């Protein structure tokens, strides 16, 4: 995947996380655990995804190496999004193995 495409994909996913964080503020406080859910959607979801995508371009600029193959980029994105989602789902649902995952 080309660096600009990688950045566009990661930033789009980060915007989705940030939108979910904003929408979660519409939930009643007891459903979102006060400020916990919006904060974790924004930080664990949006910020982590955005940084993960930006670091790939930063690494390419510093090392002058070719971009990683597309499957590697998609796997990394899936792991970052999956990790954030497991925390956001596991904590409110009281599923400790999902949080540990």
C-alpha atoms as a PDB file:
ATOM      1  CA  UNK A   1       0.000   0.000   0.000  1.00  0.00           C
ATOM      2  CA  UNK A   2       1.361   3.429  -0.888  1.00  0.00           C
ATOM      3  CA  UNK A   3       2.193   5.789   2.011  1.00  0.00           C
ATOM      4  CA  UNK A   4      -0.507   8.304   1.094  1.00  0.00           C
ATOM      5  CA  UNK A   5      -3.089   5.545   0.875  1.00  0.00           C
ATOM      6  CA  UNK A   6      -1.961   4.183   4.225  1.00  0.00           C
ATOM      7  CA  UNK A   7      -2.314   7.603   5.806  1.00  0.00           C
ATOM      8  CA  UNK A   8      -5.761   8.112   4.294  1.00  0.00           C
ATOM      9  CA  UNK A   9      -7.016   4.742   5.530  1.00  0.00           C
ATOM     10  CA  UNK A  10      -5.637   5.139   9.050  1.00  0.00           C
ATOM     11  CA  UNK A  11      -6.901   8.717   9.362  1.00  0.00           C
ATOM     12  CA  UNK A  12     -10.363   7.685   8.151  1.00  0.00           C
ATOM     13  CA  UNK A  13     -10.527   4.913  10.748  1.00  0.00           C
ATOM     14  CA  UNK A  14      -9.334   7.384  13.410  1.00  0.00           C
ATOM     15  CA  UNK A  15     -12.140   9.758  12.419  1.00  0.00           C
ATOM     16  CA  UNK A  16     -14.659   6.940  12.813  1.00  0.00           C
ATOM     17  CA  UNK A  17     -13.362   6.285  16.353  1.00  0.00           C
ATOM     18  CA  UNK A  18     -13.571   9.995  17.148  1.00  0.00           C
ATOM     19  CA  UNK A  19     -17.122  10.170  15.798  1.00  0.00           C
ATOM     20  CA  UNK A  20     -18.068   7.204  17.988  1.00  0.00           C
ATOM     21  CA  UNK A  21     -16.531   8.993  20.974  1.00  0.00           C
ATOM     22  CA  UNK A  22     -18.688  12.037  20.300  1.00  0.00           C
ATOM     23  CA  UNK A  23     -21.806   9.969  19.767  1.00  0.00           C
ATOM     24  CA  UNK A  24     -21.186   8.035  22.981  1.00  0.00           C
ATOM     25  CA  UNK A  25     -21.692  11.285  24.880  1.00  0.00           C
ATOM     26  CA  UNK A  26     -25.350  11.021  23.901  1.00  0.00           C
ATOM     27  CA  UNK A  27     -25.688   7.831  25.960  1.00  0.00           C
ATOM     28  CA  UNK A  28     -26.919   8.101  29.546  1.00  0.00           C
ATOM     29  CA  UNK A  29     -24.012   8.480  32.018  1.00  0.00           C
ATOM     30  CA  UNK A  30     -24.538   5.053  33.574  1.00  0.00           C
ATOM     31  CA  UNK A  31     -24.350   3.346  30.130  1.00  0.00           C
ATOM     32  CA  UNK A  32     -21.093   5.063  29.208  1.00  0.00           C
ATOM     33  CA  UNK A  33     -19.554   4.738  32.692  1.00  0.00           C
ATOM     34  CA  UNK A  34     -19.354   8.500  33.141  1.00  0.00           C
ATOM     35  CA  UNK A  35     -16.586   9.802  30.923  1.00  0.00           C
ATOM     36  CA  UNK A  36     -14.811   6.422  30.599  1.00  0.00           C
ATOM     37  CA  UNK A  37     -16.311   5.257  27.286  1.00  0.00           C
ATOM     38  CA  UNK A  38     -15.906   8.521  25.324  1.00  0.00           C
ATOM     39  CA  UNK A  39     -12.374   8.949  26.667  1.00  0.00           C
ATOM     40  CA  UNK A  40     -11.313   5.453  25.678  1.00  0.00           C
ATOM     41  CA  UNK A  41     -12.970   5.666  22.278  1.00  0.00           C
ATOM     42  CA  UNK A  42     -11.027   8.862  21.652  1.00  0.00           C
ATOM     43  CA  UNK A  43      -7.686   7.786  23.121  1.00  0.00           C
ATOM     44  CA  UNK A  44      -7.484   4.006  22.679  1.00  0.00           C
ATOM     45  CA  UNK A  45      -9.328   4.168  19.372  1.00  0.00           C
ATOM     46  CA  UNK A  46      -8.744   7.435  17.512  1.00  0.00           C
ATOM     47  CA  UNK A  47      -5.384   8.574  18.825  1.00  0.00           C
ATOM     48  CA  UNK A  48      -3.768   5.133  18.764  1.00  0.00           C
ATOM     49  CA  UNK A  49      -4.948   4.492  15.216  1.00  0.00           C
ATOM     50  CA  UNK A  50      -3.797   7.898  13.994  1.00  0.00           C
ATOM     51  CA  UNK A  51      -0.359   7.525  15.588  1.00  0.00           C
ATOM     52  CA  UNK A  52       0.024   3.991  14.253  1.00  0.00           C
ATOM     53  CA  UNK A  53      -0.599   5.163  10.703  1.00  0.00           C
ATOM     54  CA  UNK A  54       1.602   8.236  11.015  1.00  0.00           C
ATOM     55  CA  UNK A  55       4.490   6.199  12.399  1.00  0.00           C
ATOM     56  CA  UNK A  56       4.618   4.131   9.221  1.00  0.00           C
ATOM     57  CA  UNK A  57       5.193   7.243   7.103  1.00  0.00           C
ATOM     58  CA  UNK A  58       7.659   8.614   9.647  1.00  0.00           C
ATOM     59  CA  UNK A  59       9.615   5.358   9.503  1.00  0.00           C
ATOM     60  CA  UNK A  60       9.637   5.395   5.702  1.00  0.00           C
ATOM     61  CA  UNK A  61      10.909   8.977   5.647  1.00  0.00           C
ATOM     62  CA  UNK A  62      13.709   8.307   8.134  1.00  0.00           C
ATOM     63  CA  UNK A  63      14.942   5.011   6.747  1.00  0.00           C
ATOM     64  CA  UNK A  64      14.272   5.498   3.024  1.00  0.00           C
ATOM     65  CA  UNK A  65      12.986   1.936   2.802  1.00  0.00           C
ATOM     66  CA  UNK A  66      10.135   0.715   0.629  1.00  0.00           C
ATOM     67  CA  UNK A  67       6.640   0.578   2.062  1.00  0.00           C
ATOM     68  CA  UNK A  68       5.653  -2.710   3.701  1.00  0.00           C
ATOM     69  CA  UNK A  69       3.424  -5.047   1.717  1.00  0.00           C
ATOM     70  CA  UNK A  70      -0.298  -4.293   1.862  1.00  0.00           C
ATOM     71  CA  UNK A  71      -1.143  -7.416   3.924  1.00  0.00           C
ATOM     72  CA  UNK A  72       1.264  -6.263   6.640  1.00  0.00           C
ATOM     73  CA  UNK A  73      -0.335  -2.821   6.733  1.00  0.00           C
ATOM     74  CA  UNK A  74      -3.858  -4.267   6.876  1.00  0.00           C
ATOM     75  CA  UNK A  75      -2.838  -6.725   9.607  1.00  0.00           C
ATOM     76  CA  UNK A  76      -1.385  -3.901  11.681  1.00  0.00           C
ATOM     77  CA  UNK A  77      -4.542  -1.834  11.244  1.00  0.00           C
ATOM     78  CA  UNK A  78      -6.705  -4.811  12.186  1.00  0.00           C
ATOM     79  CA  UNK A  79      -4.677  -5.487  15.324  1.00  0.00           C
ATOM     80  CA  UNK A  80      -4.772  -1.847  16.441  1.00  0.00           C
ATOM     81  CA  UNK A  81      -8.518  -1.539  15.837  1.00  0.00           C
ATOM     82  CA  UNK A  82      -9.207  -4.963  17.339  1.00  0.00           C
ATOM     83  CA  UNK A  83      -7.215  -4.163  20.463  1.00  0.00           C
ATOM     84  CA  UNK A  84      -9.013  -0.893  21.042  1.00  0.00           C
ATOM     85  CA  UNK A  85     -12.385  -2.497  20.349  1.00  0.00           C
ATOM     86  CA  UNK A  86     -11.707  -5.350  22.782  1.00  0.00           C
ATOM     87  CA  UNK A  87     -11.028  -2.853  25.573  1.00  0.00           C
ATOM     88  CA  UNK A  88     -14.032  -0.698  24.723  1.00  0.00           C
ATOM     89  CA  UNK A  89     -16.308  -3.754  24.619  1.00  0.00           C
ATOM     90  CA  UNK A  90     -14.697  -5.820  27.370  1.00  0.00           C
ATOM     91  CA  UNK A  91     -14.631  -3.307  30.231  1.00  0.00           C
ATOM     92  CA  UNK A  92     -18.306  -2.222  30.165  1.00  0.00           C
ATOM     93  CA  UNK A  93     -19.380  -5.834  29.573  1.00  0.00           C
ATOM     94  CA  UNK A  94     -17.207  -7.107  32.445  1.00  0.00           C
ATOM     95  CA  UNK A  95     -15.429  -9.640  30.233  1.00  0.00           C
ATOM     96  CA  UNK A  96     -11.879  -9.779  31.653  1.00  0.00           C
ATOM     97  CA  UNK A  97     -10.477 -12.148  29.019  1.00  0.00           C
ATOM     98  CA  UNK A  98     -11.495  -9.712  26.278  1.00  0.00           C
ATOM     99  CA  UNK A  99      -9.676  -6.872  28.030  1.00  0.00           C
ATOM    100  CA  UNK A 100      -6.619  -9.070  28.566  1.00  0.00           C
ATOM    101  CA  UNK A 101      -6.625 -10.037  24.887  1.00  0.00           C
END
